Amino acid sequence: KLTKELCDVIEDYSLVNFSTLDIQDKESVAKLVKLIDKSNGYIFAGMDASAVEFSKIAVRDVDWDYFRYPSFHLF
């Protein structure tokens, strides 16, 4: 019963998403990295903003600087 209820919550609130990845395509990898960064909250690291600003950012598709580390270049 617990498993069924958990599945219902996950489905009702869209808590799981799937995305495609072509490891040979740099754009595909970059899109997935951006999606993962948004999902785990990495995009908010180092930001000095209010909760309202965070919520505005969380709901829109924002192009972030994902090349924070010099050794991690996708393009």
C-alpha atoms as a PDB file:
ATOM      1  CA  LYS A   1       0.000   0.000   0.000  1.00  0.00           C
ATOM      2  CA  LEU A   2       2.833   2.418   0.837  1.00  0.00           C
ATOM      3  CA  THR A   3       4.503   1.782  -2.518  1.00  0.00           C
ATOM      4  CA  LYS A   4       1.247   2.494  -4.341  1.00  0.00           C
ATOM      5  CA  GLU A   5       0.758   5.744  -2.428  1.00  0.00           C
ATOM      6  CA  LEU A   6       4.339   6.846  -3.133  1.00  0.00           C
ATOM      7  CA  CYS A   7       3.853   6.096  -6.826  1.00  0.00           C
ATOM      8  CA  ASP A   8       0.655   8.156  -6.817  1.00  0.00           C
ATOM      9  CA  VAL A   9       2.435  11.144  -5.228  1.00  0.00           C
ATOM     10  CA  ILE A  10       5.341  10.905  -7.673  1.00  0.00           C
ATOM     11  CA  GLU A  11       2.957  10.727 -10.624  1.00  0.00           C
ATOM     12  CA  ASP A  12       0.573  13.449  -9.392  1.00  0.00           C
ATOM     13  CA  TYR A  13       3.326  15.996  -8.790  1.00  0.00           C
ATOM     14  CA  SER A  14       5.570  15.079 -11.748  1.00  0.00           C
ATOM     15  CA  LEU A  15       8.515  14.320  -9.470  1.00  0.00           C
ATOM     16  CA  VAL A  16      10.249  12.158 -12.072  1.00  0.00           C
ATOM     17  CA  ASN A  17      11.230  13.249 -15.569  1.00  0.00           C
ATOM     18  CA  PHE A  18      13.034  11.482 -18.346  1.00  0.00           C
ATOM     19  CA  SER A  19      15.276  13.056 -20.930  1.00  0.00           C
ATOM     20  CA  THR A  20      17.222  11.809 -23.913  1.00  0.00           C
ATOM     21  CA  LEU A  21      20.987  11.740 -24.153  1.00  0.00           C
ATOM     22  CA  ASP A  22      23.231  11.224 -27.150  1.00  0.00           C
ATOM     23  CA  ILE A  23      26.681  10.980 -25.607  1.00  0.00           C
ATOM     24  CA  GLN A  24      28.261  11.734 -29.009  1.00  0.00           C
ATOM     25  CA  ASP A  25      26.351  15.042 -29.306  1.00  0.00           C
ATOM     26  CA  LYS A  26      27.810  17.917 -27.253  1.00  0.00           C
ATOM     27  CA  GLU A  27      24.534  19.870 -27.312  1.00  0.00           C
ATOM     28  CA  SER A  28      22.621  16.872 -25.977  1.00  0.00           C
ATOM     29  CA  VAL A  29      25.107  16.490 -23.124  1.00  0.00           C
ATOM     30  CA  ALA A  30      24.985  20.232 -22.368  1.00  0.00           C
ATOM     31  CA  LYS A  31      21.170  20.217 -22.228  1.00  0.00           C
ATOM     32  CA  LEU A  32      21.177  17.297 -19.829  1.00  0.00           C
ATOM     33  CA  VAL A  33      23.833  18.921 -17.613  1.00  0.00           C
ATOM     34  CA  LYS A  34      21.699  22.075 -17.426  1.00  0.00           C
ATOM     35  CA  LEU A  35      18.611  20.044 -16.557  1.00  0.00           C
ATOM     36  CA  ILE A  36      20.472  18.132 -13.848  1.00  0.00           C
ATOM     37  CA  ASP A  37      21.964  21.347 -12.427  1.00  0.00           C
ATOM     38  CA  LYS A  38      18.506  22.899 -12.216  1.00  0.00           C
ATOM     39  CA  SER A  39      17.055  19.737 -10.662  1.00  0.00           C
ATOM     40  CA  ASN A  40      19.642  19.383  -7.910  1.00  0.00           C
ATOM     41  CA  GLY A  41      19.826  23.110  -7.123  1.00  0.00           C
ATOM     42  CA  TYR A  42      23.359  23.717  -8.398  1.00  0.00           C
ATOM     43  CA  ILE A  43      22.156  26.754 -10.353  1.00  0.00           C
ATOM     44  CA  PHE A  44      21.418  28.492  -7.055  1.00  0.00           C
ATOM     45  CA  ALA A  45      24.916  28.009  -5.620  1.00  0.00           C
ATOM     46  CA  GLY A  46      26.575  31.270  -4.734  1.00  0.00           C
ATOM     47  CA  MET A  47      23.484  33.369  -5.419  1.00  0.00           C
ATOM     48  CA  ASP A  48      22.577  36.087  -2.987  1.00  0.00           C
ATOM     49  CA  ALA A  49      18.851  36.491  -3.554  1.00  0.00           C
ATOM     50  CA  SER A  50      15.554  36.265  -1.737  1.00  0.00           C
ATOM     51  CA  ALA A  51      13.212  33.267  -1.773  1.00  0.00           C
ATOM     52  CA  VAL A  52      11.008  35.121  -4.255  1.00  0.00           C
ATOM     53  CA  GLU A  53      13.906  35.469  -6.698  1.00  0.00           C
ATOM     54  CA  PHE A  54      14.760  31.778  -6.297  1.00  0.00           C
ATOM     55  CA  SER A  55      11.183  30.788  -7.079  1.00  0.00           C
ATOM     56  CA  LYS A  56      11.130  33.000 -10.188  1.00  0.00           C
ATOM     57  CA  ILE A  57      14.309  31.355 -11.425  1.00  0.00           C
ATOM     58  CA  ALA A  58      13.109  27.841 -10.624  1.00  0.00           C
ATOM     59  CA  VAL A  59      10.013  28.082 -12.821  1.00  0.00           C
ATOM     60  CA  ARG A  60      11.578  29.529 -15.955  1.00  0.00           C
ATOM     61  CA  ASP A  61      14.028  28.158 -18.474  1.00  0.00           C
ATOM     62  CA  VAL A  62      17.174  30.158 -17.839  1.00  0.00           C
ATOM     63  CA  ASP A  63      20.466  29.862 -19.704  1.00  0.00           C
ATOM     64  CA  TRP A  64      23.069  29.610 -16.946  1.00  0.00           C
ATOM     65  CA  ASP A  65      26.829  29.688 -17.067  1.00  0.00           C
ATOM     66  CA  TYR A  66      27.609  26.000 -16.743  1.00  0.00           C
ATOM     67  CA  PHE A  67      31.286  26.347 -17.477  1.00  0.00           C
ATOM     68  CA  ARG A  68      32.298  27.250 -13.928  1.00  0.00           C
ATOM     69  CA  TYR A  69      35.286  24.931 -14.013  1.00  0.00           C
ATOM     70  CA  PRO A  70      37.896  25.546 -16.727  1.00  0.00           C
ATOM     71  CA  SER A  71      38.354  21.814 -17.385  1.00  0.00           C
ATOM     72  CA  PHE A  72      34.637  21.267 -18.054  1.00  0.00           C
ATOM     73  CA  HIS A  73      33.941  22.641 -21.525  1.00  0.00           C
ATOM     74  CA  LEU A  74      31.272  21.052 -23.693  1.00  0.00           C
ATOM     75  CA  PHE A  75      31.589  23.377 -26.681  1.00  0.00           C
END
